[in-house]
Amino acid sequence: MCQNNCNTKREKGEHLSYEDRVKIEHLYNQQDKNYTEIGKELNCHRTT
């Protein structure tokens, strides 16, 4: 499964990495998580 936590800190204004995008897709489509839960898992704001 794809349950790796993102421990790297993004600087303000940086783009999401490909790995972050894959995690978002998995969390949203496979685990039915909402934006707030995904933001907490990736350690970024929910509107990102």
PDB file of N, CA and C in Angstrom:
ATOM      1  N   MET A   1       0.835  -1.186   0.000  1.00  0.00           N
ATOM      2  CA  MET A   1       0.000   0.000   0.000  1.00  0.00           C
ATOM      3  C   MET A   1       0.880   1.249   0.000  1.00  0.00           C
ATOM      4  N   CYS A   2       0.255   2.342  -0.238  1.00  0.00           N
ATOM      5  CA  CYS A   2       0.961   3.610  -0.363  1.00  0.00           C
ATOM      6  C   CYS A   2       0.707   4.467   0.870  1.00  0.00           C
ATOM      7  N   GLN A   3       1.231   4.060   2.012  1.00  0.00           N
ATOM      8  CA  GLN A   3       0.968   4.782   3.253  1.00  0.00           C
ATOM      9  C   GLN A   3       2.222   5.463   3.789  1.00  0.00           C
ATOM     10  N   ASN A   4       3.101   5.898   2.913  1.00  0.00           N
ATOM     11  CA  ASN A   4       4.307   6.582   3.359  1.00  0.00           C
ATOM     12  C   ASN A   4       3.952   8.001   3.758  1.00  0.00           C
ATOM     13  N   ASN A   5       4.430   8.422   4.909  1.00  0.00           N
ATOM     14  CA  ASN A   5       4.203   9.795   5.329  1.00  0.00           C
ATOM     15  C   ASN A   5       5.279  10.675   4.734  1.00  0.00           C
ATOM     16  N   CYS A   6       4.890  11.851   4.329  1.00  0.00           N
ATOM     17  CA  CYS A   6       5.826  12.793   3.731  1.00  0.00           C
ATOM     18  C   CYS A   6       6.514  13.577   4.840  1.00  0.00           C
ATOM     19  N   ASN A   7       7.786  13.330   5.070  1.00  0.00           N
ATOM     20  CA  ASN A   7       8.508  14.009   6.135  1.00  0.00           C
ATOM     21  C   ASN A   7       9.307  15.196   5.629  1.00  0.00           C
ATOM     22  N   THR A   8       9.363  15.381   4.315  1.00  0.00           N
ATOM     23  CA  THR A   8      10.104  16.512   3.787  1.00  0.00           C
ATOM     24  C   THR A   8       9.227  17.745   3.846  1.00  0.00           C
ATOM     25  N   LYS A   9       9.837  18.866   4.216  1.00  0.00           N
ATOM     26  CA  LYS A   9       9.076  20.101   4.302  1.00  0.00           C
ATOM     27  C   LYS A   9       9.247  20.880   3.016  1.00  0.00           C
ATOM     28  N   ARG A  10       8.148  21.316   2.476  1.00  0.00           N
ATOM     29  CA  ARG A  10       8.147  22.131   1.278  1.00  0.00           C
ATOM     30  C   ARG A  10       8.273  23.592   1.681  1.00  0.00           C
ATOM     31  N   GLU A  11       9.049  24.336   0.948  1.00  0.00           N
ATOM     32  CA  GLU A  11       9.115  25.779   1.162  1.00  0.00           C
ATOM     33  C   GLU A  11       7.850  26.401   0.595  1.00  0.00           C
ATOM     34  N   LYS A  12       7.471  27.523   1.135  1.00  0.00           N
ATOM     35  CA  LYS A  12       6.291  28.209   0.647  1.00  0.00           C
ATOM     36  C   LYS A  12       6.470  28.544  -0.834  1.00  0.00           C
ATOM     37  N   GLY A  13       5.485  28.197  -1.627  1.00  0.00           N
ATOM     38  CA  GLY A  13       5.523  28.503  -3.046  1.00  0.00           C
ATOM     39  C   GLY A  13       6.054  27.368  -3.915  1.00  0.00           C
ATOM     40  N   GLU A  14       6.541  26.293  -3.319  1.00  0.00           N
ATOM     41  CA  GLU A  14       7.053  25.172  -4.113  1.00  0.00           C
ATOM     42  C   GLU A  14       5.909  24.335  -4.655  1.00  0.00           C
ATOM     43  N   HIS A  15       6.162  23.714  -5.787  1.00  0.00           N
ATOM     44  CA  HIS A  15       5.177  22.842  -6.397  1.00  0.00           C
ATOM     45  C   HIS A  15       5.155  21.491  -5.690  1.00  0.00           C
ATOM     46  N   LEU A  16       4.060  20.776  -5.833  1.00  0.00           N
ATOM     47  CA  LEU A  16       3.977  19.420  -5.303  1.00  0.00           C
ATOM     48  C   LEU A  16       4.837  18.507  -6.161  1.00  0.00           C
ATOM     49  N   SER A  17       5.463  17.546  -5.528  1.00  0.00           N
ATOM     50  CA  SER A  17       6.266  16.588  -6.277  1.00  0.00           C
ATOM     51  C   SER A  17       5.349  15.536  -6.907  1.00  0.00           C
ATOM     52  N   TYR A  18       5.906  14.787  -7.826  1.00  0.00           N
ATOM     53  CA  TYR A  18       5.140  13.720  -8.464  1.00  0.00           C
ATOM     54  C   TYR A  18       4.674  12.711  -7.414  1.00  0.00           C
ATOM     55  N   GLU A  19       5.539  12.401  -6.447  1.00  0.00           N
ATOM     56  CA  GLU A  19       5.193  11.445  -5.400  1.00  0.00           C
ATOM     57  C   GLU A  19       4.011  11.948  -4.567  1.00  0.00           C
ATOM     58  N   ASP A  20       4.011  13.257  -4.263  1.00  0.00           N
ATOM     59  CA  ASP A  20       2.885  13.834  -3.523  1.00  0.00           C
ATOM     60  C   ASP A  20       1.592  13.714  -4.322  1.00  0.00           C
ATOM     61  N   ARG A  21       1.665  13.936  -5.612  1.00  0.00           N
ATOM     62  CA  ARG A  21       0.476  13.845  -6.457  1.00  0.00           C
ATOM     63  C   ARG A  21      -0.067  12.416  -6.510  1.00  0.00           C
ATOM     64  N   VAL A  22       0.842  11.444  -6.539  1.00  0.00           N
ATOM     65  CA  VAL A  22       0.427  10.042  -6.535  1.00  0.00           C
ATOM     66  C   VAL A  22      -0.239   9.706  -5.204  1.00  0.00           C
ATOM     67  N   LYS A  23       0.330  10.202  -4.104  1.00  0.00           N
ATOM     68  CA  LYS A  23      -0.258   9.962  -2.781  1.00  0.00           C
ATOM     69  C   LYS A  23      -1.648  10.578  -2.685  1.00  0.00           C
ATOM     70  N   ILE A  24      -1.791  11.804  -3.200  1.00  0.00           N
ATOM     71  CA  ILE A  24      -3.097  12.466  -3.175  1.00  0.00           C
ATOM     72  C   ILE A  24      -4.117  11.651  -3.951  1.00  0.00           C
ATOM     73  N   GLU A  25      -3.728  11.194  -5.138  1.00  0.00           N
ATOM     74  CA  GLU A  25      -4.636  10.385  -5.958  1.00  0.00           C
ATOM     75  C   GLU A  25      -5.059   9.123  -5.221  1.00  0.00           C
ATOM     76  N   HIS A  26      -4.110   8.462  -4.596  1.00  0.00           N
ATOM     77  CA  HIS A  26      -4.414   7.225  -3.867  1.00  0.00           C
ATOM     78  C   HIS A  26      -5.327   7.495  -2.673  1.00  0.00           C
ATOM     79  N   LEU A  27      -4.993   8.504  -1.887  1.00  0.00           N
ATOM     80  CA  LEU A  27      -5.794   8.809  -0.702  1.00  0.00           C
ATOM     81  C   LEU A  27      -7.215   9.217  -1.076  1.00  0.00           C
ATOM     82  N   TYR A  28      -7.358   9.970  -2.142  1.00  0.00           N
ATOM     83  CA  TYR A  28      -8.678  10.462  -2.541  1.00  0.00           C
ATOM     84  C   TYR A  28      -9.517   9.367  -3.201  1.00  0.00           C
ATOM     85  N   ASN A  29      -8.921   8.646  -4.142  1.00  0.00           N
ATOM     86  CA  ASN A  29      -9.685   7.656  -4.909  1.00  0.00           C
ATOM     87  C   ASN A  29      -9.835   6.311  -4.214  1.00  0.00           C
ATOM     88  N   GLN A  30      -8.793   5.840  -3.559  1.00  0.00           N
ATOM     89  CA  GLN A  30      -8.808   4.501  -2.980  1.00  0.00           C
ATOM     90  C   GLN A  30      -9.283   4.488  -1.531  1.00  0.00           C
ATOM     91  N   GLN A  31      -8.924   5.514  -0.757  1.00  0.00           N
ATOM     92  CA  GLN A  31      -9.239   5.512   0.667  1.00  0.00           C
ATOM     93  C   GLN A  31     -10.365   6.475   1.028  1.00  0.00           C
ATOM     94  N   ASP A  32     -10.928   7.153   0.028  1.00  0.00           N
ATOM     95  CA  ASP A  32     -12.060   8.071   0.230  1.00  0.00           C
ATOM     96  C   ASP A  32     -11.802   9.116   1.315  1.00  0.00           C
ATOM     97  N   LYS A  33     -10.590   9.661   1.336  1.00  0.00           N
ATOM     98  CA  LYS A  33     -10.265  10.710   2.307  1.00  0.00           C
ATOM     99  C   LYS A  33     -10.654  12.058   1.715  1.00  0.00           C
ATOM    100  N   ASN A  34     -11.003  12.998   2.594  1.00  0.00           N
ATOM    101  CA  ASN A  34     -11.357  14.324   2.109  1.00  0.00           C
ATOM    102  C   ASN A  34     -10.116  15.218   2.078  1.00  0.00           C
ATOM    103  N   TYR A  35     -10.290  16.463   1.595  1.00  0.00           N
ATOM    104  CA  TYR A  35      -9.159  17.367   1.415  1.00  0.00           C
ATOM    105  C   TYR A  35      -8.428  17.667   2.720  1.00  0.00           C
ATOM    106  N   THR A  36      -9.175  17.815   3.795  1.00  0.00           N
ATOM    107  CA  THR A  36      -8.562  18.122   5.086  1.00  0.00           C
ATOM    108  C   THR A  36      -7.681  16.973   5.559  1.00  0.00           C
ATOM    109  N   GLU A  37      -8.171  15.753   5.443  1.00  0.00           N
ATOM    110  CA  GLU A  37      -7.399  14.578   5.866  1.00  0.00           C
ATOM    111  C   GLU A  37      -6.152  14.399   5.008  1.00  0.00           C
ATOM    112  N   ILE A  38      -6.275  14.637   3.711  1.00  0.00           N
ATOM    113  CA  ILE A  38      -5.129  14.513   2.805  1.00  0.00           C
ATOM    114  C   ILE A  38      -4.081  15.570   3.142  1.00  0.00           C
ATOM    115  N   GLY A  39      -4.516  16.793   3.404  1.00  0.00           N
ATOM    116  CA  GLY A  39      -3.589  17.859   3.772  1.00  0.00           C
ATOM    117  C   GLY A  39      -2.803  17.528   5.025  1.00  0.00           C
ATOM    118  N   LYS A  40      -3.478  16.943   6.007  1.00  0.00           N
ATOM    119  CA  LYS A  40      -2.798  16.548   7.244  1.00  0.00           C
ATOM    120  C   LYS A  40      -1.779  15.445   6.978  1.00  0.00           C
ATOM    121  N   GLU A  41      -2.115  14.495   6.127  1.00  0.00           N
ATOM    122  CA  GLU A  41      -1.183  13.391   5.820  1.00  0.00           C
ATOM    123  C   GLU A  41       0.057  13.892   5.085  1.00  0.00           C
ATOM    124  N   LEU A  42      -0.129  14.871   4.185  1.00  0.00           N
ATOM    125  CA  LEU A  42       0.995  15.385   3.406  1.00  0.00           C
ATOM    126  C   LEU A  42       1.682  16.573   4.069  1.00  0.00           C
ATOM    127  N   ASN A  43       1.150  17.003   5.206  1.00  0.00           N
ATOM    128  CA  ASN A  43       1.711  18.141   5.929  1.00  0.00           C
ATOM    129  C   ASN A  43       1.700  19.405   5.075  1.00  0.00           C
ATOM    130  N   CYS A  44       0.559  19.674   4.447  1.00  0.00           N
ATOM    131  CA  CYS A  44       0.375  20.900   3.683  1.00  0.00           C
ATOM    132  C   CYS A  44      -1.068  21.360   3.845  1.00  0.00           C
ATOM    133  N   HIS A  45      -1.369  22.561   3.421  1.00  0.00           N
ATOM    134  CA  HIS A  45      -2.719  23.098   3.585  1.00  0.00           C
ATOM    135  C   HIS A  45      -3.708  22.336   2.709  1.00  0.00           C
ATOM    136  N   ARG A  46      -4.936  22.217   3.178  1.00  0.00           N
ATOM    137  CA  ARG A  46      -5.945  21.436   2.463  1.00  0.00           C
ATOM    138  C   ARG A  46      -6.282  21.994   1.097  1.00  0.00           C
ATOM    139  N   THR A  47      -6.095  23.289   0.885  1.00  0.00           N
ATOM    140  CA  THR A  47      -6.430  23.872  -0.417  1.00  0.00           C
ATOM    141  C   THR A  47      -5.303  23.733  -1.432  1.00  0.00           C
ATOM    142  N   THR A  48      -4.170  23.200  -1.013  1.00  0.00           N
ATOM    143  CA  THR A  48      -3.059  23.001  -1.940  1.00  0.00           C
ATOM    144  C   THR A  48      -3.449  21.983  -2.975  1.00  0.00           C
TER     145      THR A  48
END
